[in-house]
Amino acid sequence: MTDLTDLQNDAQENAERSAHAAESGDSMTMQVTLSIAVMAVIAAFIGALGETEASHTFVEKNDAVLSQAKASDTWAEYQSESIKRHIYAVGADLAAQPEAAERMKGEADKYSKEQPVTQDKAKQLEEEVTAHSEKAETHFGRHHILTIAEGVVHVAIAGASIALLAHKRSFWLVSLGLTVAGIVVAALAYAA
């Protein structure tokens, strides 16, 4: 993961080099250093997007775990209702006094009516687990793609720096192409 402040400092240093190059009158040096500053900003932006996607991944995974815990609790409640219903039904069958049998039958009926509601609630919570897990996977996939895109732009920055030192325009043009490729890869993270 990239530290955003380091990238911002790099961009500022490149801007200062560009200003120095402008004073010296060397147009290639000025163009390359300006492009390096822009590339650093692009890399920082892509890195920030990647960090945001990683954060979303953690949030969605956490929500999935919480929903799973709630679903487990709800299924335990469902089982409890089932046991109580069964105990009251057996008690009603075995009761010697008609009033007690009727009261127990009423309790068994109450749990019979509650169970489908509890079951639906548990199934809904399980669907939430699935939805959160799927969202987490989407964010995690984006994070990986953005990490690759950021890496490509960093390679472009290195190539532009080499072009600056070697005074090779072709290296600079390749780094510009790599920057565009990094931007395209970053855009692809959100295309799917």
C-alpha atoms as a PDB file:
ATOM      1  CA  MET A   1       0.000   0.000   0.000  1.00  0.00           C
ATOM      2  CA  THR A   2       1.244   3.428  -0.901  1.00  0.00           C
ATOM      3  CA  ASP A   3       1.640   6.222   1.596  1.00  0.00           C
ATOM      4  CA  LEU A   4      -0.254   9.144   0.064  1.00  0.00           C
ATOM      5  CA  THR A   5       1.882  11.835   1.683  1.00  0.00           C
ATOM      6  CA  ASP A   6       5.070  10.351   0.200  1.00  0.00           C
ATOM      7  CA  LEU A   7       3.516  10.500  -3.256  1.00  0.00           C
ATOM      8  CA  GLN A   8       2.408  14.071  -2.678  1.00  0.00           C
ATOM      9  CA  ASN A   9       5.946  14.986  -1.589  1.00  0.00           C
ATOM     10  CA  ASP A  10       7.340  13.311  -4.719  1.00  0.00           C
ATOM     11  CA  ALA A  11       4.941  15.320  -6.871  1.00  0.00           C
ATOM     12  CA  GLN A  12       6.011  18.546  -5.185  1.00  0.00           C
ATOM     13  CA  GLU A  13       9.707  17.723  -5.643  1.00  0.00           C
ATOM     14  CA  ASN A  14       9.100  16.982  -9.323  1.00  0.00           C
ATOM     15  CA  ALA A  15       7.265  20.279  -9.714  1.00  0.00           C
ATOM     16  CA  GLU A  16      10.236  22.080  -8.166  1.00  0.00           C
ATOM     17  CA  ARG A  17      12.626  20.308 -10.559  1.00  0.00           C
ATOM     18  CA  SER A  18      10.371  21.343 -13.402  1.00  0.00           C
ATOM     19  CA  ALA A  19      10.525  24.977 -12.319  1.00  0.00           C
ATOM     20  CA  HIS A  20      14.322  24.715 -12.176  1.00  0.00           C
ATOM     21  CA  ALA A  21      14.357  23.169 -15.663  1.00  0.00           C
ATOM     22  CA  ALA A  22      12.187  26.010 -16.962  1.00  0.00           C
ATOM     23  CA  GLU A  23      14.736  28.482 -15.675  1.00  0.00           C
ATOM     24  CA  SER A  24      17.566  26.617 -17.435  1.00  0.00           C
ATOM     25  CA  GLY A  25      15.796  26.794 -20.799  1.00  0.00           C
ATOM     26  CA  ASP A  26      16.041  23.035 -21.644  1.00  0.00           C
ATOM     27  CA  SER A  27      12.610  22.228 -23.096  1.00  0.00           C
ATOM     28  CA  MET A  28      12.945  18.427 -22.907  1.00  0.00           C
ATOM     29  CA  THR A  29      13.995  18.590 -19.275  1.00  0.00           C
ATOM     30  CA  MET A  30      11.073  20.852 -18.515  1.00  0.00           C
ATOM     31  CA  GLN A  31       8.589  18.613 -20.359  1.00  0.00           C
ATOM     32  CA  VAL A  32       9.864  15.425 -18.742  1.00  0.00           C
ATOM     33  CA  THR A  33       9.924  16.851 -15.232  1.00  0.00           C
ATOM     34  CA  LEU A  34       6.432  18.280 -15.649  1.00  0.00           C
ATOM     35  CA  SER A  35       5.204  14.936 -16.913  1.00  0.00           C
ATOM     36  CA  ILE A  36       6.861  13.183 -13.947  1.00  0.00           C
ATOM     37  CA  ALA A  37       4.981  15.510 -11.595  1.00  0.00           C
ATOM     38  CA  VAL A  38       1.708  14.730 -13.367  1.00  0.00           C
ATOM     39  CA  MET A  39       2.498  11.002 -13.311  1.00  0.00           C
ATOM     40  CA  ALA A  40       3.141  11.187  -9.559  1.00  0.00           C
ATOM     41  CA  VAL A  41      -0.241  12.838  -9.036  1.00  0.00           C
ATOM     42  CA  ILE A  42      -1.907  10.169 -11.180  1.00  0.00           C
ATOM     43  CA  ALA A  43      -0.137   7.427  -9.200  1.00  0.00           C
ATOM     44  CA  ALA A  44      -1.259   9.048  -5.938  1.00  0.00           C
ATOM     45  CA  PHE A  45      -4.843   9.242  -7.162  1.00  0.00           C
ATOM     46  CA  ILE A  46      -4.863   5.605  -8.289  1.00  0.00           C
ATOM     47  CA  GLY A  47      -3.247   4.603  -4.983  1.00  0.00           C
ATOM     48  CA  ALA A  48      -5.952   6.461  -3.055  1.00  0.00           C
ATOM     49  CA  LEU A  49      -8.629   4.663  -5.063  1.00  0.00           C
ATOM     50  CA  GLY A  50      -6.946   1.343  -4.260  1.00  0.00           C
ATOM     51  CA  GLU A  51      -6.865   2.155  -0.553  1.00  0.00           C
ATOM     52  CA  THR A  52     -10.543   3.114  -0.666  1.00  0.00           C
ATOM     53  CA  GLU A  53     -11.411  -0.200  -2.294  1.00  0.00           C
ATOM     54  CA  ALA A  54      -9.371  -2.063   0.342  1.00  0.00           C
ATOM     55  CA  SER A  55     -11.285  -0.225   3.070  1.00  0.00           C
ATOM     56  CA  HIS A  56     -14.601  -1.109   1.433  1.00  0.00           C
ATOM     57  CA  THR A  57     -13.466  -4.744   1.349  1.00  0.00           C
ATOM     58  CA  PHE A  58     -12.875  -4.751   5.097  1.00  0.00           C
ATOM     59  CA  VAL A  59     -16.201  -3.045   5.811  1.00  0.00           C
ATOM     60  CA  GLU A  60     -18.159  -5.511   3.668  1.00  0.00           C
ATOM     61  CA  LYS A  61     -16.361  -8.520   5.184  1.00  0.00           C
ATOM     62  CA  ASN A  62     -17.098  -7.168   8.655  1.00  0.00           C
ATOM     63  CA  ASP A  63     -20.764  -6.682   7.746  1.00  0.00           C
ATOM     64  CA  ALA A  64     -20.864 -10.252   6.409  1.00  0.00           C
ATOM     65  CA  VAL A  65     -19.497 -11.586   9.695  1.00  0.00           C
ATOM     66  CA  LEU A  66     -22.026  -9.555  11.696  1.00  0.00           C
ATOM     67  CA  SER A  67     -24.882 -10.754   9.495  1.00  0.00           C
ATOM     68  CA  GLN A  68     -23.664 -14.344   9.856  1.00  0.00           C
ATOM     69  CA  ALA A  69     -23.633 -13.998  13.645  1.00  0.00           C
ATOM     70  CA  LYS A  70     -27.182 -12.604  13.570  1.00  0.00           C
ATOM     71  CA  ALA A  71     -28.280 -15.422  11.255  1.00  0.00           C
ATOM     72  CA  SER A  72     -26.770 -18.023  13.599  1.00  0.00           C
ATOM     73  CA  ASP A  73     -28.539 -16.435  16.562  1.00  0.00           C
ATOM     74  CA  THR A  74     -31.810 -16.406  14.636  1.00  0.00           C
ATOM     75  CA  TRP A  75     -31.443 -20.072  13.675  1.00  0.00           C
ATOM     76  CA  ALA A  76     -30.781 -20.850  17.366  1.00  0.00           C
ATOM     77  CA  GLU A  77     -33.989 -18.967  18.206  1.00  0.00           C
ATOM     78  CA  TYR A  78     -35.801 -21.033  15.548  1.00  0.00           C
ATOM     79  CA  GLN A  79     -34.514 -24.263  17.119  1.00  0.00           C
ATOM     80  CA  SER A  80     -35.535 -23.028  20.564  1.00  0.00           C
ATOM     81  CA  GLU A  81     -39.054 -22.335  19.298  1.00  0.00           C
ATOM     82  CA  SER A  82     -39.158 -25.788  17.755  1.00  0.00           C
ATOM     83  CA  ILE A  83     -38.133 -27.451  21.011  1.00  0.00           C
ATOM     84  CA  LYS A  84     -40.647 -25.404  23.028  1.00  0.00           C
ATOM     85  CA  ARG A  85     -43.414 -26.178  20.525  1.00  0.00           C
ATOM     86  CA  HIS A  86     -42.622 -29.876  20.736  1.00  0.00           C
ATOM     87  CA  ILE A  87     -42.509 -29.865  24.572  1.00  0.00           C
ATOM     88  CA  TYR A  88     -45.852 -28.052  24.799  1.00  0.00           C
ATOM     89  CA  ALA A  89     -47.415 -30.395  22.216  1.00  0.00           C
ATOM     90  CA  VAL A  90     -46.256 -33.466  24.143  1.00  0.00           C
ATOM     91  CA  GLY A  91     -47.366 -31.826  27.405  1.00  0.00           C
ATOM     92  CA  ALA A  92     -50.813 -31.155  25.939  1.00  0.00           C
ATOM     93  CA  ASP A  93     -51.113 -34.787  24.872  1.00  0.00           C
ATOM     94  CA  LEU A  94     -50.081 -36.057  28.295  1.00  0.00           C
ATOM     95  CA  ALA A  95     -51.925 -33.523  30.465  1.00  0.00           C
ATOM     96  CA  ALA A  96     -54.548 -35.021  32.753  1.00  0.00           C
ATOM     97  CA  GLN A  97     -56.452 -31.779  33.212  1.00  0.00           C
ATOM     98  CA  PRO A  98     -58.259 -30.367  30.171  1.00  0.00           C
ATOM     99  CA  GLU A  99     -57.434 -26.747  31.122  1.00  0.00           C
ATOM    100  CA  ALA A 100     -53.708 -27.522  31.286  1.00  0.00           C
ATOM    101  CA  ALA A 101     -53.905 -29.419  27.999  1.00  0.00           C
ATOM    102  CA  GLU A 102     -55.652 -26.473  26.340  1.00  0.00           C
ATOM    103  CA  ARG A 103     -53.105 -23.971  27.710  1.00  0.00           C
ATOM    104  CA  MET A 104     -50.199 -26.116  26.488  1.00  0.00           C
ATOM    105  CA  LYS A 105     -51.828 -26.576  23.099  1.00  0.00           C
ATOM    106  CA  GLY A 106     -52.171 -22.776  22.885  1.00  0.00           C
ATOM    107  CA  GLU A 107     -48.453 -22.365  23.646  1.00  0.00           C
ATOM    108  CA  ALA A 108     -47.570 -24.984  21.011  1.00  0.00           C
ATOM    109  CA  ASP A 109     -49.723 -23.140  18.469  1.00  0.00           C
ATOM    110  CA  LYS A 110     -48.050 -19.833  19.379  1.00  0.00           C
ATOM    111  CA  TYR A 111     -44.608 -21.305  18.617  1.00  0.00           C
ATOM    112  CA  SER A 112     -45.925 -22.898  15.411  1.00  0.00           C
ATOM    113  CA  LYS A 113     -46.915 -19.413  14.226  1.00  0.00           C
ATOM    114  CA  GLU A 114     -43.620 -17.783  15.328  1.00  0.00           C
ATOM    115  CA  GLN A 115     -41.344 -20.344  13.689  1.00  0.00           C
ATOM    116  CA  PRO A 116     -42.001 -19.393  10.026  1.00  0.00           C
ATOM    117  CA  VAL A 117     -41.357 -15.710  10.858  1.00  0.00           C
ATOM    118  CA  THR A 118     -38.098 -16.599  12.598  1.00  0.00           C
ATOM    119  CA  GLN A 119     -37.104 -18.884   9.726  1.00  0.00           C
ATOM    120  CA  ASP A 120     -37.746 -16.132   7.160  1.00  0.00           C
ATOM    121  CA  LYS A 121     -35.683 -13.704   9.222  1.00  0.00           C
ATOM    122  CA  ALA A 122     -32.776 -16.193   9.395  1.00  0.00           C
ATOM    123  CA  LYS A 123     -32.908 -16.783   5.639  1.00  0.00           C
ATOM    124  CA  GLN A 124     -32.945 -13.030   5.001  1.00  0.00           C
ATOM    125  CA  LEU A 125     -29.850 -12.624   7.183  1.00  0.00           C
ATOM    126  CA  GLU A 126     -28.113 -15.419   5.259  1.00  0.00           C
ATOM    127  CA  GLU A 127     -28.902 -13.550   2.023  1.00  0.00           C
ATOM    128  CA  GLU A 128     -27.282 -10.455   3.553  1.00  0.00           C
ATOM    129  CA  VAL A 129     -24.160 -12.513   4.282  1.00  0.00           C
ATOM    130  CA  THR A 130     -24.005 -13.536   0.636  1.00  0.00           C
ATOM    131  CA  ALA A 131     -24.579  -9.969  -0.588  1.00  0.00           C
ATOM    132  CA  HIS A 132     -21.877  -8.520   1.680  1.00  0.00           C
ATOM    133  CA  SER A 133     -19.435 -11.263   0.675  1.00  0.00           C
ATOM    134  CA  GLU A 134     -20.040 -10.605  -3.021  1.00  0.00           C
ATOM    135  CA  LYS A 135     -19.535  -6.853  -2.551  1.00  0.00           C
ATOM    136  CA  ALA A 136     -16.317  -7.544  -0.633  1.00  0.00           C
ATOM    137  CA  GLU A 137     -15.018  -9.686  -3.492  1.00  0.00           C
ATOM    138  CA  THR A 138     -15.823  -6.920  -5.981  1.00  0.00           C
ATOM    139  CA  HIS A 139     -13.965  -4.326  -3.916  1.00  0.00           C
ATOM    140  CA  PHE A 140     -11.031  -6.679  -3.362  1.00  0.00           C
ATOM    141  CA  GLY A 141     -10.774  -7.360  -7.106  1.00  0.00           C
ATOM    142  CA  ARG A 142     -10.782  -3.626  -7.800  1.00  0.00           C
ATOM    143  CA  HIS A 143      -8.083  -3.140  -5.179  1.00  0.00           C
ATOM    144  CA  HIS A 144      -5.841  -5.658  -6.949  1.00  0.00           C
ATOM    145  CA  ILE A 145      -6.379  -4.089 -10.358  1.00  0.00           C
ATOM    146  CA  LEU A 146      -5.716  -0.599  -8.978  1.00  0.00           C
ATOM    147  CA  THR A 147      -2.522  -1.850  -7.329  1.00  0.00           C
ATOM    148  CA  ILE A 148      -1.343  -3.075 -10.727  1.00  0.00           C
ATOM    149  CA  ALA A 149      -2.327   0.224 -12.361  1.00  0.00           C
ATOM    150  CA  GLU A 150      -0.449   2.176  -9.701  1.00  0.00           C
ATOM    151  CA  GLY A 151       2.605  -0.033 -10.243  1.00  0.00           C
ATOM    152  CA  VAL A 152       2.493   0.611 -13.985  1.00  0.00           C
ATOM    153  CA  VAL A 153       2.448   4.378 -13.403  1.00  0.00           C
ATOM    154  CA  HIS A 154       5.364   4.046 -10.957  1.00  0.00           C
ATOM    155  CA  VAL A 155       7.314   2.208 -13.643  1.00  0.00           C
ATOM    156  CA  ALA A 156       6.417   5.060 -16.007  1.00  0.00           C
ATOM    157  CA  ILE A 157       7.799   7.555 -13.493  1.00  0.00           C
ATOM    158  CA  ALA A 158      11.024   5.554 -13.275  1.00  0.00           C
ATOM    159  CA  GLY A 159      11.227   5.430 -17.071  1.00  0.00           C
ATOM    160  CA  ALA A 160      10.701   9.180 -17.327  1.00  0.00           C
ATOM    161  CA  SER A 161      13.425   9.712 -14.735  1.00  0.00           C
ATOM    162  CA  ILE A 162      15.783   7.569 -16.804  1.00  0.00           C
ATOM    163  CA  ALA A 163      14.786   9.569 -19.884  1.00  0.00           C
ATOM    164  CA  LEU A 164      15.654  12.734 -17.980  1.00  0.00           C
ATOM    165  CA  LEU A 165      19.062  11.416 -16.903  1.00  0.00           C
ATOM    166  CA  ALA A 166      19.921   9.825 -20.258  1.00  0.00           C
ATOM    167  CA  HIS A 167      18.310  12.648 -22.214  1.00  0.00           C
ATOM    168  CA  LYS A 168      16.451  10.032 -24.344  1.00  0.00           C
ATOM    169  CA  ARG A 169      13.142  11.223 -25.743  1.00  0.00           C
ATOM    170  CA  SER A 170      12.143   7.649 -26.670  1.00  0.00           C
ATOM    171  CA  PHE A 171      12.267   6.574 -23.003  1.00  0.00           C
ATOM    172  CA  TRP A 172      10.045   9.505 -22.122  1.00  0.00           C
ATOM    173  CA  LEU A 173       7.511   8.603 -24.825  1.00  0.00           C
ATOM    174  CA  VAL A 174       7.412   5.011 -23.571  1.00  0.00           C
ATOM    175  CA  SER A 175       6.760   6.299 -20.047  1.00  0.00           C
ATOM    176  CA  LEU A 176       3.925   8.464 -21.319  1.00  0.00           C
ATOM    177  CA  GLY A 177       2.468   5.356 -22.968  1.00  0.00           C
ATOM    178  CA  LEU A 178       2.842   3.404 -19.722  1.00  0.00           C
ATOM    179  CA  THR A 179       1.042   6.185 -17.865  1.00  0.00           C
ATOM    180  CA  VAL A 180      -1.863   5.959 -20.293  1.00  0.00           C
ATOM    181  CA  ALA A 181      -1.821   2.160 -19.868  1.00  0.00           C
ATOM    182  CA  GLY A 182      -1.943   2.606 -16.071  1.00  0.00           C
ATOM    183  CA  ILE A 183      -4.926   4.922 -16.396  1.00  0.00           C
ATOM    184  CA  VAL A 184      -6.690   2.427 -18.672  1.00  0.00           C
ATOM    185  CA  VAL A 185      -6.000  -0.437 -16.242  1.00  0.00           C
ATOM    186  CA  ALA A 186      -7.367   1.707 -13.376  1.00  0.00           C
ATOM    187  CA  ALA A 187     -10.507   2.447 -15.411  1.00  0.00           C
ATOM    188  CA  LEU A 188     -10.921  -1.282 -16.093  1.00  0.00           C
ATOM    189  CA  ALA A 189     -11.183  -1.859 -12.326  1.00  0.00           C
ATOM    190  CA  TYR A 190     -14.558  -0.107 -12.459  1.00  0.00           C
ATOM    191  CA  ALA A 191     -15.677  -1.390 -15.848  1.00  0.00           C
ATOM    192  CA  ALA A 192     -16.528  -4.887 -14.647  1.00  0.00           C
END
